[in-house]
Amino acid sequence: MKKIALVVILTSASVSAHAYDSNKMRTEWQINPQNVPSIISTKNSFIARVDGRFVSIANAGINCSPGDIFGERVWVVDNQPIKFVGACFEGMPTFAAQSSAGQEFIYNEFATKNSVSIGDLRFSAKGFLSALKQSEINKKMAI
């Protein structure tokens, strides 16, 4: 716990532009206190997160239990149908592209666009790459 607190303090002190600001998370990717780049959708209860090149979408408005599986569904991502699979992660229904090609497509959309539509959700792409880069820097700085 002390290590997490220290990383958050060091990150906030050294790179104020990348400090976590939950109010900004609707318009710009932020690094949450767990060092995970995240953004809240325009519908507020959905969160997109990225770890490396793996993007996931979680519904923070619904609770679930470990082991819950939500199966396969197709969502259109910027006019491209993508197969998603869902399961409970950190108490929230969480969905990710089933294939590596789908994951790569979603990652590239966030990396190259101003916003990304996933189903009827819209996420800003502003600050995506810089938040991802800062998260990697934080991992290297961690003691």
C-alpha atoms as a PDB file:
ATOM      1  CA  MET A   1       0.000   0.000   0.000  1.00  0.00           C
ATOM      2  CA  LYS A   2       2.865   2.361   0.817  1.00  0.00           C
ATOM      3  CA  LYS A   3       4.384   1.702  -2.612  1.00  0.00           C
ATOM      4  CA  ILE A   4       1.145   2.644  -4.376  1.00  0.00           C
ATOM      5  CA  ALA A   5       0.830   5.823  -2.335  1.00  0.00           C
ATOM      6  CA  LEU A   6       4.449   6.747  -3.101  1.00  0.00           C
ATOM      7  CA  VAL A   7       4.008   6.192  -6.846  1.00  0.00           C
ATOM      8  CA  VAL A   8       0.865   8.318  -6.847  1.00  0.00           C
ATOM      9  CA  ILE A   9       2.649  11.081  -4.910  1.00  0.00           C
ATOM     10  CA  LEU A  10       5.753  10.967  -7.105  1.00  0.00           C
ATOM     11  CA  THR A  11       3.706  10.910 -10.275  1.00  0.00           C
ATOM     12  CA  SER A  12       1.559  13.817  -9.139  1.00  0.00           C
ATOM     13  CA  ALA A  13       4.577  15.833  -8.089  1.00  0.00           C
ATOM     14  CA  SER A  14       6.725  15.109 -11.132  1.00  0.00           C
ATOM     15  CA  VAL A  15       4.144  15.263 -13.903  1.00  0.00           C
ATOM     16  CA  SER A  16       1.241  17.464 -12.892  1.00  0.00           C
ATOM     17  CA  ALA A  17      -0.233  17.316 -16.408  1.00  0.00           C
ATOM     18  CA  HIS A  18      -0.770  13.598 -15.860  1.00  0.00           C
ATOM     19  CA  ALA A  19      -2.158  13.795 -12.341  1.00  0.00           C
ATOM     20  CA  TYR A  20      -5.399  11.916 -11.809  1.00  0.00           C
ATOM     21  CA  ASP A  21      -8.439  14.170 -12.096  1.00  0.00           C
ATOM     22  CA  SER A  22     -11.751  12.298 -12.065  1.00  0.00           C
ATOM     23  CA  ASN A  23     -13.561  15.389 -13.378  1.00  0.00           C
ATOM     24  CA  LYS A  24     -11.376  15.396 -16.510  1.00  0.00           C
ATOM     25  CA  MET A  25     -11.971  11.699 -17.135  1.00  0.00           C
ATOM     26  CA  ARG A  26     -15.022  12.471 -19.271  1.00  0.00           C
ATOM     27  CA  THR A  27     -12.975  14.443 -21.797  1.00  0.00           C
ATOM     28  CA  GLU A  28      -9.418  13.158 -21.497  1.00  0.00           C
ATOM     29  CA  TRP A  29      -7.619   9.908 -20.665  1.00  0.00           C
ATOM     30  CA  GLN A  30      -6.237   9.949 -17.118  1.00  0.00           C
ATOM     31  CA  ILE A  31      -4.081   7.589 -15.089  1.00  0.00           C
ATOM     32  CA  ASN A  32      -6.178   6.329 -12.172  1.00  0.00           C
ATOM     33  CA  PRO A  33      -4.657   5.731  -8.715  1.00  0.00           C
ATOM     34  CA  GLN A  34      -3.820   2.143  -9.757  1.00  0.00           C
ATOM     35  CA  ASN A  35      -1.718   3.525 -12.675  1.00  0.00           C
ATOM     36  CA  VAL A  36      -4.235   2.353 -15.297  1.00  0.00           C
ATOM     37  CA  PRO A  37      -5.023   4.748 -18.169  1.00  0.00           C
ATOM     38  CA  SER A  38      -8.820   5.230 -18.155  1.00  0.00           C
ATOM     39  CA  ILE A  39     -11.635   7.377 -19.489  1.00  0.00           C
ATOM     40  CA  ILE A  40     -15.358   7.632 -18.710  1.00  0.00           C
ATOM     41  CA  SER A  41     -17.848   7.462 -21.585  1.00  0.00           C
ATOM     42  CA  THR A  42     -20.332  10.198 -22.351  1.00  0.00           C
ATOM     43  CA  LYS A  43     -22.904   7.915 -20.681  1.00  0.00           C
ATOM     44  CA  ASN A  44     -20.880   8.218 -17.443  1.00  0.00           C
ATOM     45  CA  SER A  45     -21.218   4.698 -16.075  1.00  0.00           C
ATOM     46  CA  PHE A  46     -18.958   3.051 -18.682  1.00  0.00           C
ATOM     47  CA  ILE A  47     -15.171   3.170 -18.376  1.00  0.00           C
ATOM     48  CA  ALA A  48     -12.560   2.291 -20.999  1.00  0.00           C
ATOM     49  CA  ARG A  49      -9.198   1.119 -19.678  1.00  0.00           C
ATOM     50  CA  VAL A  50      -5.988   0.070 -21.382  1.00  0.00           C
ATOM     51  CA  ASP A  51      -3.158  -2.136 -20.210  1.00  0.00           C
ATOM     52  CA  GLY A  52      -0.395  -2.283 -22.794  1.00  0.00           C
ATOM     53  CA  ARG A  53      -2.412  -2.703 -26.005  1.00  0.00           C
ATOM     54  CA  PHE A  54      -5.362  -4.439 -24.299  1.00  0.00           C
ATOM     55  CA  VAL A  55      -8.461  -2.188 -24.161  1.00  0.00           C
ATOM     56  CA  SER A  56     -11.456  -3.160 -22.017  1.00  0.00           C
ATOM     57  CA  ILE A  57     -14.851  -1.564 -21.371  1.00  0.00           C
ATOM     58  CA  ALA A  58     -16.456  -1.826 -17.918  1.00  0.00           C
ATOM     59  CA  ASN A  59     -19.945  -0.903 -16.743  1.00  0.00           C
ATOM     60  CA  ALA A  60     -19.313   0.809 -13.401  1.00  0.00           C
ATOM     61  CA  GLY A  61     -23.068   1.254 -12.916  1.00  0.00           C
ATOM     62  CA  ILE A  62     -23.680  -2.463 -12.338  1.00  0.00           C
ATOM     63  CA  ASN A  63     -22.149  -4.799  -9.767  1.00  0.00           C
ATOM     64  CA  CYS A  64     -21.285  -8.416 -10.486  1.00  0.00           C
ATOM     65  CA  SER A  65     -19.717 -11.349  -8.690  1.00  0.00           C
ATOM     66  CA  PRO A  66     -16.378 -13.019  -9.447  1.00  0.00           C
ATOM     67  CA  GLY A  67     -16.934 -15.824 -11.891  1.00  0.00           C
ATOM     68  CA  ASP A  68     -19.895 -14.175 -13.656  1.00  0.00           C
ATOM     69  CA  ILE A  69     -19.608 -14.626 -17.432  1.00  0.00           C
ATOM     70  CA  PHE A  70     -21.513 -12.380 -19.830  1.00  0.00           C
ATOM     71  CA  GLY A  71     -20.764 -14.261 -23.031  1.00  0.00           C
ATOM     72  CA  GLU A  72     -20.127 -13.100 -26.537  1.00  0.00           C
ATOM     73  CA  ARG A  73     -21.733 -10.092 -28.216  1.00  0.00           C
ATOM     74  CA  VAL A  74     -20.998  -7.965 -31.258  1.00  0.00           C
ATOM     75  CA  TRP A  75     -20.572  -4.229 -30.853  1.00  0.00           C
ATOM     76  CA  VAL A  76     -19.826  -1.865 -33.693  1.00  0.00           C
ATOM     77  CA  VAL A  77     -16.623   0.098 -33.092  1.00  0.00           C
ATOM     78  CA  ASP A  78     -16.370   3.081 -35.442  1.00  0.00           C
ATOM     79  CA  ASN A  79     -18.395   1.256 -38.134  1.00  0.00           C
ATOM     80  CA  GLN A  80     -16.471  -2.033 -37.702  1.00  0.00           C
ATOM     81  CA  PRO A  81     -18.294  -4.978 -36.072  1.00  0.00           C
ATOM     82  CA  ILE A  82     -16.138  -6.497 -33.328  1.00  0.00           C
ATOM     83  CA  LYS A  83     -16.831  -9.644 -31.262  1.00  0.00           C
ATOM     84  CA  PHE A  84     -16.595  -8.932 -27.527  1.00  0.00           C
ATOM     85  CA  VAL A  85     -16.608 -11.328 -24.605  1.00  0.00           C
ATOM     86  CA  GLY A  86     -17.508 -10.303 -21.063  1.00  0.00           C
ATOM     87  CA  ALA A  87     -16.849 -11.378 -17.502  1.00  0.00           C
ATOM     88  CA  CYS A  88     -16.855  -9.874 -14.024  1.00  0.00           C
ATOM     89  CA  PHE A  89     -13.646  -7.959 -13.278  1.00  0.00           C
ATOM     90  CA  GLU A  90     -13.162  -5.903 -10.112  1.00  0.00           C
ATOM     91  CA  GLY A  91     -16.891  -6.172  -9.397  1.00  0.00           C
ATOM     92  CA  MET A  92     -17.955  -4.697 -12.774  1.00  0.00           C
ATOM     93  CA  PRO A  93     -19.165  -6.352 -15.990  1.00  0.00           C
ATOM     94  CA  THR A  94     -16.146  -5.933 -18.259  1.00  0.00           C
ATOM     95  CA  PHE A  95     -15.901  -6.563 -21.987  1.00  0.00           C
ATOM     96  CA  ALA A  96     -12.960  -6.888 -24.374  1.00  0.00           C
ATOM     97  CA  ALA A  97     -12.516  -7.776 -28.020  1.00  0.00           C
ATOM     98  CA  GLN A  98     -12.375 -11.535 -28.423  1.00  0.00           C
ATOM     99  CA  SER A  99      -9.646 -11.549 -31.073  1.00  0.00           C
ATOM    100  CA  SER A 100      -6.237  -9.936 -31.257  1.00  0.00           C
ATOM    101  CA  ALA A 101      -7.330  -8.305 -34.547  1.00  0.00           C
ATOM    102  CA  GLY A 102     -10.282  -6.726 -32.719  1.00  0.00           C
ATOM    103  CA  GLN A 103      -8.028  -5.555 -29.888  1.00  0.00           C
ATOM    104  CA  GLU A 104      -5.558  -4.056 -32.365  1.00  0.00           C
ATOM    105  CA  PHE A 105      -8.364  -2.275 -34.237  1.00  0.00           C
ATOM    106  CA  ILE A 106      -9.727  -0.701 -31.030  1.00  0.00           C
ATOM    107  CA  TYR A 107      -6.252   0.319 -29.857  1.00  0.00           C
ATOM    108  CA  ASN A 108      -5.509   1.958 -33.229  1.00  0.00           C
ATOM    109  CA  GLU A 109      -8.835   3.817 -33.170  1.00  0.00           C
ATOM    110  CA  PHE A 110      -7.974   5.358 -29.775  1.00  0.00           C
ATOM    111  CA  ALA A 111      -4.420   6.100 -30.948  1.00  0.00           C
ATOM    112  CA  THR A 112      -5.466   7.854 -34.177  1.00  0.00           C
ATOM    113  CA  LYS A 113      -8.946   9.358 -33.686  1.00  0.00           C
ATOM    114  CA  ASN A 114     -10.429  12.209 -31.636  1.00  0.00           C
ATOM    115  CA  SER A 115     -13.152   9.943 -30.271  1.00  0.00           C
ATOM    116  CA  VAL A 116     -14.197   6.313 -30.506  1.00  0.00           C
ATOM    117  CA  SER A 117     -17.738   4.920 -30.648  1.00  0.00           C
ATOM    118  CA  ILE A 118     -18.340   1.468 -29.186  1.00  0.00           C
ATOM    119  CA  GLY A 119     -21.954   0.439 -29.620  1.00  0.00           C
ATOM    120  CA  ASP A 120     -23.989   3.401 -28.395  1.00  0.00           C
ATOM    121  CA  LEU A 121     -21.101   4.645 -26.215  1.00  0.00           C
ATOM    122  CA  ARG A 122     -18.687   7.410 -27.141  1.00  0.00           C
ATOM    123  CA  PHE A 123     -15.243   7.821 -25.601  1.00  0.00           C
ATOM    124  CA  SER A 124     -12.800  10.681 -26.101  1.00  0.00           C
ATOM    125  CA  ALA A 125      -9.400   9.618 -27.435  1.00  0.00           C
ATOM    126  CA  LYS A 126      -7.724  12.810 -26.203  1.00  0.00           C
ATOM    127  CA  GLY A 127      -4.614  12.004 -24.190  1.00  0.00           C
ATOM    128  CA  PHE A 128      -4.754   8.259 -24.906  1.00  0.00           C
ATOM    129  CA  LEU A 129      -1.141   7.787 -25.991  1.00  0.00           C
ATOM    130  CA  SER A 130       0.289  10.228 -23.446  1.00  0.00           C
ATOM    131  CA  ALA A 131      -1.565   8.507 -20.577  1.00  0.00           C
ATOM    132  CA  LEU A 132      -0.324   5.133 -21.790  1.00  0.00           C
ATOM    133  CA  LYS A 133       3.244   6.459 -22.025  1.00  0.00           C
ATOM    134  CA  GLN A 134       3.055   8.012 -18.546  1.00  0.00           C
ATOM    135  CA  SER A 135       1.733   4.752 -17.113  1.00  0.00           C
ATOM    136  CA  GLU A 136       4.767   2.920 -18.552  1.00  0.00           C
ATOM    137  CA  ILE A 137       7.111   5.566 -17.091  1.00  0.00           C
ATOM    138  CA  ASN A 138       5.440   5.122 -13.706  1.00  0.00           C
ATOM    139  CA  LYS A 139       5.980   1.343 -13.903  1.00  0.00           C
ATOM    140  CA  LYS A 140       9.691   1.873 -14.592  1.00  0.00           C
ATOM    141  CA  MET A 141       9.971   4.384 -11.715  1.00  0.00           C
ATOM    142  CA  ALA A 142       8.240   2.082  -9.248  1.00  0.00           C
ATOM    143  CA  ILE A 143      10.526   0.714  -6.572  1.00  0.00           C
END
